[in-house]
Amino acid sequence: CIKETGGLHKRDSKESLALSTYSLAGRGTRVEVTGDVRFGMRYNHLTGTLEINIIEARQIAAVGSGGRTDPYVKTYLLPDKSNKGKRKTQVLKKTLNPVFNRSLE
Protein backbone atom coordinates (compact mmCIF):
# COMPACT_ATOMS: atom_id res chain seq x y z
CA CYS A 1 0.00 0.00 0.00
CA ILE A 2 1.56 3.31 -1.07
CA LYS A 3 0.11 6.60 0.19
CA GLU A 4 1.07 10.10 -0.95
CA THR A 5 0.69 13.11 1.33
CA GLY A 6 2.22 16.51 0.59
CA GLY A 7 5.26 15.25 -1.32
CA LEU A 8 5.70 12.20 0.93
CA HIS A 9 5.29 8.63 -0.29
CA LYS A 10 4.66 6.03 2.38
CA ARG A 11 4.76 2.27 1.94
CA ASP A 12 3.72 -0.09 4.72
CA SER A 13 5.22 -3.55 4.45
CA LYS A 14 5.41 -6.90 6.18
CA GLU A 15 8.33 -9.01 5.07
CA SER A 16 9.26 -12.57 5.93
CA LEU A 17 12.69 -13.35 7.32
CA ALA A 18 12.70 -16.50 5.19
CA LEU A 19 15.07 -14.81 2.74
CA SER A 20 17.83 -16.34 4.81
CA THR A 21 17.58 -19.99 5.88
CA TYR A 22 20.23 -20.00 8.62
CA SER A 23 22.09 -17.42 10.69
CA LEU A 24 25.32 -17.76 12.60
CA ALA A 25 24.33 -16.62 16.07
CA GLY A 26 27.66 -15.88 17.73
CA ARG A 27 30.30 -18.54 18.29
CA GLY A 28 29.26 -20.28 15.07
CA THR A 29 25.93 -21.57 16.37
CA ARG A 30 23.69 -22.32 13.40
CA VAL A 31 20.08 -21.18 13.95
CA GLU A 32 17.19 -21.48 11.51
CA VAL A 33 15.84 -18.01 10.69
CA THR A 34 12.12 -17.67 11.47
CA GLY A 35 9.56 -14.92 12.02
CA ASP A 36 8.35 -11.70 10.47
CA VAL A 37 9.42 -8.06 10.60
CA ARG A 38 6.86 -5.27 10.26
CA PHE A 39 8.20 -1.99 8.91
CA GLY A 40 7.25 1.03 6.82
CA MET A 41 9.22 3.10 4.34
CA ARG A 42 8.76 6.69 3.30
CA TYR A 43 10.74 8.91 0.94
CA ASN A 44 10.47 12.61 1.73
CA HIS A 45 10.90 14.51 -1.55
CA LEU A 46 11.19 17.82 0.27
CA THR A 47 14.22 16.78 2.35
CA GLY A 48 15.54 14.01 0.08
CA THR A 49 15.60 11.44 2.91
CA LEU A 50 14.45 7.84 3.10
CA GLU A 51 12.80 7.02 6.42
CA ILE A 52 12.44 3.41 7.54
CA ASN A 53 10.14 2.81 10.50
CA ILE A 54 10.94 -0.51 12.21
CA ILE A 55 7.73 -1.42 14.02
CA GLU A 56 8.12 -4.95 15.40
CA ALA A 57 9.25 -8.51 14.82
CA ARG A 58 7.29 -11.64 15.70
CA GLN A 59 8.17 -15.24 16.43
CA ILE A 60 11.88 -14.92 15.75
CA ALA A 61 14.24 -17.82 16.44
CA ALA A 62 15.45 -18.35 20.00
CA VAL A 63 19.21 -18.24 20.49
CA GLY A 64 21.05 -19.32 23.62
CA SER A 65 19.81 -20.60 26.94
CA GLY A 66 16.36 -19.78 28.28
CA GLY A 67 14.69 -19.82 24.87
CA ARG A 68 15.13 -16.07 24.36
CA THR A 69 17.36 -13.82 22.28
CA ASP A 70 18.54 -10.19 22.18
CA PRO A 71 17.22 -8.98 18.79
CA TYR A 72 17.93 -5.86 16.75
CA VAL A 73 17.29 -4.81 13.16
CA LYS A 74 20.09 -3.68 10.85
CA THR A 75 19.43 -1.97 7.50
CA TYR A 76 21.70 -1.34 4.54
CA LEU A 77 21.12 1.08 1.68
CA LEU A 78 22.48 -0.72 -1.36
CA PRO A 79 24.65 -0.46 -3.41
CA ASP A 80 26.50 1.72 -0.82
CA LYS A 81 28.77 -0.63 1.15
CA SER A 82 30.19 2.04 3.47
CA ASN A 83 29.01 2.71 7.01
CA LYS A 84 27.17 5.76 5.68
CA GLY A 85 24.33 3.55 4.37
CA LYS A 86 23.98 1.35 7.48
CA ARG A 87 21.53 1.87 10.35
CA LYS A 88 20.70 -0.28 13.39
CA THR A 89 18.00 -0.26 16.07
CA GLN A 90 18.70 -0.65 19.74
CA VAL A 91 19.10 -4.19 21.11
CA LEU A 92 16.04 -5.41 23.02
CA LYS A 93 16.88 -7.99 25.67
CA LYS A 94 15.38 -11.48 26.07
CA THR A 95 12.41 -11.37 23.71
CA LEU A 96 11.16 -13.29 20.67
CA ASN A 97 8.54 -10.64 19.82
CA PRO A 98 10.36 -7.28 20.06
CA VAL A 99 8.51 -3.98 19.56
CA PHE A 100 10.94 -1.35 18.27
CA ASN A 101 8.81 1.58 17.03
CA ARG A 102 11.96 3.33 15.80
CA SER A 103 12.60 5.43 12.74
CA LEU A 104 15.92 5.02 10.89
CA GLU A 105 16.89 7.78 8.45
C-alpha atoms as a PDB file:
ATOM      1  CA  CYS A   1       0.000   0.000   0.000  1.00  0.00           C
ATOM      2  CA  ILE A   2       1.561   3.314  -1.075  1.00  0.00           C
ATOM      3  CA  LYS A   3       0.114   6.598   0.185  1.00  0.00           C
ATOM      4  CA  GLU A   4       1.067  10.097  -0.948  1.00  0.00           C
ATOM      5  CA  THR A   5       0.691  13.111   1.325  1.00  0.00           C
ATOM      6  CA  GLY A   6       2.216  16.514   0.591  1.00  0.00           C
ATOM      7  CA  GLY A   7       5.264  15.249  -1.322  1.00  0.00           C
ATOM      8  CA  LEU A   8       5.696  12.200   0.933  1.00  0.00           C
ATOM      9  CA  HIS A   9       5.285   8.634  -0.294  1.00  0.00           C
ATOM     10  CA  LYS A  10       4.662   6.025   2.380  1.00  0.00           C
ATOM     11  CA  ARG A  11       4.761   2.267   1.935  1.00  0.00           C
ATOM     12  CA  ASP A  12       3.717  -0.093   4.722  1.00  0.00           C
ATOM     13  CA  SER A  13       5.225  -3.547   4.446  1.00  0.00           C
ATOM     14  CA  LYS A  14       5.409  -6.898   6.175  1.00  0.00           C
ATOM     15  CA  GLU A  15       8.334  -9.011   5.069  1.00  0.00           C
ATOM     16  CA  SER A  16       9.261 -12.572   5.934  1.00  0.00           C
ATOM     17  CA  LEU A  17      12.693 -13.349   7.318  1.00  0.00           C
ATOM     18  CA  ALA A  18      12.696 -16.500   5.188  1.00  0.00           C
ATOM     19  CA  LEU A  19      15.072 -14.807   2.736  1.00  0.00           C
ATOM     20  CA  SER A  20      17.832 -16.344   4.810  1.00  0.00           C
ATOM     21  CA  THR A  21      17.582 -19.987   5.884  1.00  0.00           C
ATOM     22  CA  TYR A  22      20.229 -19.997   8.623  1.00  0.00           C
ATOM     23  CA  SER A  23      22.087 -17.422  10.687  1.00  0.00           C
ATOM     24  CA  LEU A  24      25.317 -17.762  12.599  1.00  0.00           C
ATOM     25  CA  ALA A  25      24.329 -16.622  16.070  1.00  0.00           C
ATOM     26  CA  GLY A  26      27.655 -15.877  17.730  1.00  0.00           C
ATOM     27  CA  ARG A  27      30.302 -18.541  18.294  1.00  0.00           C
ATOM     28  CA  GLY A  28      29.264 -20.277  15.065  1.00  0.00           C
ATOM     29  CA  THR A  29      25.930 -21.567  16.368  1.00  0.00           C
ATOM     30  CA  ARG A  30      23.687 -22.317  13.401  1.00  0.00           C
ATOM     31  CA  VAL A  31      20.081 -21.177  13.953  1.00  0.00           C
ATOM     32  CA  GLU A  32      17.187 -21.477  11.510  1.00  0.00           C
ATOM     33  CA  VAL A  33      15.836 -18.008  10.693  1.00  0.00           C
ATOM     34  CA  THR A  34      12.117 -17.675  11.474  1.00  0.00           C
ATOM     35  CA  GLY A  35       9.562 -14.921  12.022  1.00  0.00           C
ATOM     36  CA  ASP A  36       8.350 -11.704  10.473  1.00  0.00           C
ATOM     37  CA  VAL A  37       9.425  -8.056  10.596  1.00  0.00           C
ATOM     38  CA  ARG A  38       6.855  -5.274  10.255  1.00  0.00           C
ATOM     39  CA  PHE A  39       8.199  -1.989   8.905  1.00  0.00           C
ATOM     40  CA  GLY A  40       7.250   1.026   6.822  1.00  0.00           C
ATOM     41  CA  MET A  41       9.224   3.101   4.339  1.00  0.00           C
ATOM     42  CA  ARG A  42       8.759   6.692   3.296  1.00  0.00           C
ATOM     43  CA  TYR A  43      10.737   8.912   0.943  1.00  0.00           C
ATOM     44  CA  ASN A  44      10.472  12.606   1.729  1.00  0.00           C
ATOM     45  CA  HIS A  45      10.896  14.506  -1.553  1.00  0.00           C
ATOM     46  CA  LEU A  46      11.194  17.825   0.265  1.00  0.00           C
ATOM     47  CA  THR A  47      14.224  16.782   2.355  1.00  0.00           C
ATOM     48  CA  GLY A  48      15.545  14.007   0.080  1.00  0.00           C
ATOM     49  CA  THR A  49      15.598  11.440   2.908  1.00  0.00           C
ATOM     50  CA  LEU A  50      14.445   7.838   3.096  1.00  0.00           C
ATOM     51  CA  GLU A  51      12.798   7.020   6.424  1.00  0.00           C
ATOM     52  CA  ILE A  52      12.442   3.409   7.542  1.00  0.00           C
ATOM     53  CA  ASN A  53      10.143   2.805  10.500  1.00  0.00           C
ATOM     54  CA  ILE A  54      10.936  -0.511  12.212  1.00  0.00           C
ATOM     55  CA  ILE A  55       7.727  -1.416  14.023  1.00  0.00           C
ATOM     56  CA  GLU A  56       8.124  -4.953  15.400  1.00  0.00           C
ATOM     57  CA  ALA A  57       9.246  -8.515  14.822  1.00  0.00           C
ATOM     58  CA  ARG A  58       7.286 -11.636  15.699  1.00  0.00           C
ATOM     59  CA  GLN A  59       8.170 -15.241  16.435  1.00  0.00           C
ATOM     60  CA  ILE A  60      11.880 -14.919  15.753  1.00  0.00           C
ATOM     61  CA  ALA A  61      14.244 -17.821  16.440  1.00  0.00           C
ATOM     62  CA  ALA A  62      15.447 -18.348  20.001  1.00  0.00           C
ATOM     63  CA  VAL A  63      19.209 -18.239  20.490  1.00  0.00           C
ATOM     64  CA  GLY A  64      21.051 -19.324  23.622  1.00  0.00           C
ATOM     65  CA  SER A  65      19.810 -20.597  26.943  1.00  0.00           C
ATOM     66  CA  GLY A  66      16.363 -19.779  28.283  1.00  0.00           C
ATOM     67  CA  GLY A  67      14.693 -19.820  24.867  1.00  0.00           C
ATOM     68  CA  ARG A  68      15.134 -16.071  24.362  1.00  0.00           C
ATOM     69  CA  THR A  69      17.357 -13.824  22.279  1.00  0.00           C
ATOM     70  CA  ASP A  70      18.536 -10.190  22.178  1.00  0.00           C
ATOM     71  CA  PRO A  71      17.221  -8.980  18.791  1.00  0.00           C
ATOM     72  CA  TYR A  72      17.930  -5.863  16.755  1.00  0.00           C
ATOM     73  CA  VAL A  73      17.294  -4.807  13.157  1.00  0.00           C
ATOM     74  CA  LYS A  74      20.091  -3.685  10.854  1.00  0.00           C
ATOM     75  CA  THR A  75      19.433  -1.972   7.502  1.00  0.00           C
ATOM     76  CA  TYR A  76      21.704  -1.339   4.536  1.00  0.00           C
ATOM     77  CA  LEU A  77      21.118   1.083   1.683  1.00  0.00           C
ATOM     78  CA  LEU A  78      22.481  -0.716  -1.364  1.00  0.00           C
ATOM     79  CA  PRO A  79      24.653  -0.461  -3.406  1.00  0.00           C
ATOM     80  CA  ASP A  80      26.496   1.721  -0.825  1.00  0.00           C
ATOM     81  CA  LYS A  81      28.767  -0.626   1.152  1.00  0.00           C
ATOM     82  CA  SER A  82      30.192   2.042   3.475  1.00  0.00           C
ATOM     83  CA  ASN A  83      29.006   2.713   7.014  1.00  0.00           C
ATOM     84  CA  LYS A  84      27.166   5.760   5.681  1.00  0.00           C
ATOM     85  CA  GLY A  85      24.334   3.550   4.371  1.00  0.00           C
ATOM     86  CA  LYS A  86      23.985   1.349   7.480  1.00  0.00           C
ATOM     87  CA  ARG A  87      21.529   1.866  10.349  1.00  0.00           C
ATOM     88  CA  LYS A  88      20.701  -0.281  13.391  1.00  0.00           C
ATOM     89  CA  THR A  89      17.995  -0.259  16.066  1.00  0.00           C
ATOM     90  CA  GLN A  90      18.701  -0.654  19.744  1.00  0.00           C
ATOM     91  CA  VAL A  91      19.103  -4.188  21.114  1.00  0.00           C
ATOM     92  CA  LEU A  92      16.036  -5.408  23.019  1.00  0.00           C
ATOM     93  CA  LYS A  93      16.879  -7.987  25.672  1.00  0.00           C
ATOM     94  CA  LYS A  94      15.379 -11.477  26.073  1.00  0.00           C
ATOM     95  CA  THR A  95      12.414 -11.371  23.706  1.00  0.00           C
ATOM     96  CA  LEU A  96      11.157 -13.292  20.673  1.00  0.00           C
ATOM     97  CA  ASN A  97       8.540 -10.638  19.822  1.00  0.00           C
ATOM     98  CA  PRO A  98      10.356  -7.283  20.058  1.00  0.00           C
ATOM     99  CA  VAL A  99       8.508  -3.982  19.562  1.00  0.00           C
ATOM    100  CA  PHE A 100      10.939  -1.350  18.268  1.00  0.00           C
ATOM    101  CA  ASN A 101       8.813   1.578  17.030  1.00  0.00           C
ATOM    102  CA  ARG A 102      11.964   3.327  15.796  1.00  0.00           C
ATOM    103  CA  SER A 103      12.605   5.427  12.744  1.00  0.00           C
ATOM    104  CA  LEU A 104      15.917   5.017  10.889  1.00  0.00           C
ATOM    105  CA  GLU A 105      16.889   7.782   8.447  1.00  0.00           C
END
